[in-house]
Amino acid sequence: MIIEREGDKDWADQILKAEDEIYSEEVDLLQLLTNAAFNPEKSGSTQATQKI
C-alpha cells in the first residue's frame, strides 16, 4: 500500500486500521450460515447459499 501511494505511510496506516476493524469480528460457520439464510440482503448471499 505504501508503494501504491508513493511512500504515504500515514495513508497506509489509516487503511490498515480501517481493515482491522472490519476483520475483528469472529463468527463460527453455523452462525455465518444462519445469517446468510435469515438476512440474505444484508449478508449478500445468493439463493443457493440460502438453501444450504
Protein backbone atom coordinates (compact mmCIF):
# COMPACT_ATOMS: atom_id res chain seq x y z
CA MET A 1 0.00 0.00 0.00
CA ILE A 2 2.81 2.38 0.77
CA ILE A 3 4.25 1.83 -2.70
CA GLU A 4 0.85 2.46 -4.32
CA ARG A 5 0.63 5.82 -2.56
CA GLU A 6 4.24 6.72 -3.33
CA GLY A 7 5.51 6.44 0.24
CA ASP A 8 2.47 7.84 2.07
CA LYS A 9 2.80 5.82 5.29
CA ASP A 10 0.07 7.77 7.09
CA TRP A 11 -2.46 6.81 4.41
CA ALA A 12 -1.41 3.14 4.63
CA ASP A 13 -1.78 3.21 8.42
CA GLN A 14 -5.32 4.61 8.09
CA ILE A 15 -6.30 1.88 5.63
CA LEU A 16 -4.84 -0.88 7.81
CA LYS A 17 -6.67 0.47 10.86
CA ALA A 18 -9.98 0.53 8.95
CA GLU A 19 -9.47 -3.00 7.65
CA ASP A 20 -8.52 -4.25 11.11
CA GLU A 21 -11.92 -3.15 12.41
CA ILE A 22 -13.66 -4.99 9.58
CA TYR A 23 -11.99 -8.30 10.34
CA SER A 24 -12.09 -8.09 14.14
CA GLU A 25 -15.46 -9.85 14.47
CA GLU A 26 -15.29 -13.64 14.60
CA VAL A 27 -18.28 -15.77 13.61
CA ASP A 28 -18.42 -19.54 13.53
CA LEU A 29 -19.61 -21.38 10.43
CA LEU A 30 -23.09 -22.20 11.72
CA GLN A 31 -23.71 -18.58 12.68
CA LEU A 32 -22.45 -17.44 9.29
CA LEU A 33 -24.87 -19.79 7.51
CA THR A 34 -27.73 -18.69 9.78
CA ASN A 35 -27.00 -15.05 9.00
CA ALA A 36 -26.95 -15.81 5.27
CA ALA A 37 -30.27 -17.68 5.43
CA PHE A 38 -32.20 -15.21 7.56
CA ASN A 39 -30.66 -11.95 6.30
CA PRO A 40 -29.78 -12.59 2.64
CA GLU A 41 -29.92 -8.96 1.55
CA LYS A 42 -27.73 -7.81 4.42
CA SER A 43 -25.20 -10.62 4.07
CA GLY A 44 -25.16 -10.52 0.27
CA SER A 45 -25.87 -14.24 -0.02
CA THR A 46 -27.32 -15.91 -3.09
CA GLN A 47 -30.35 -18.21 -3.19
CA ALA A 48 -28.01 -21.19 -3.49
CA THR A 49 -26.30 -20.18 -0.25
CA GLN A 50 -29.64 -19.79 1.50
CA LYS A 51 -30.57 -23.38 0.63
CA ILE A 52 -27.54 -24.72 2.45
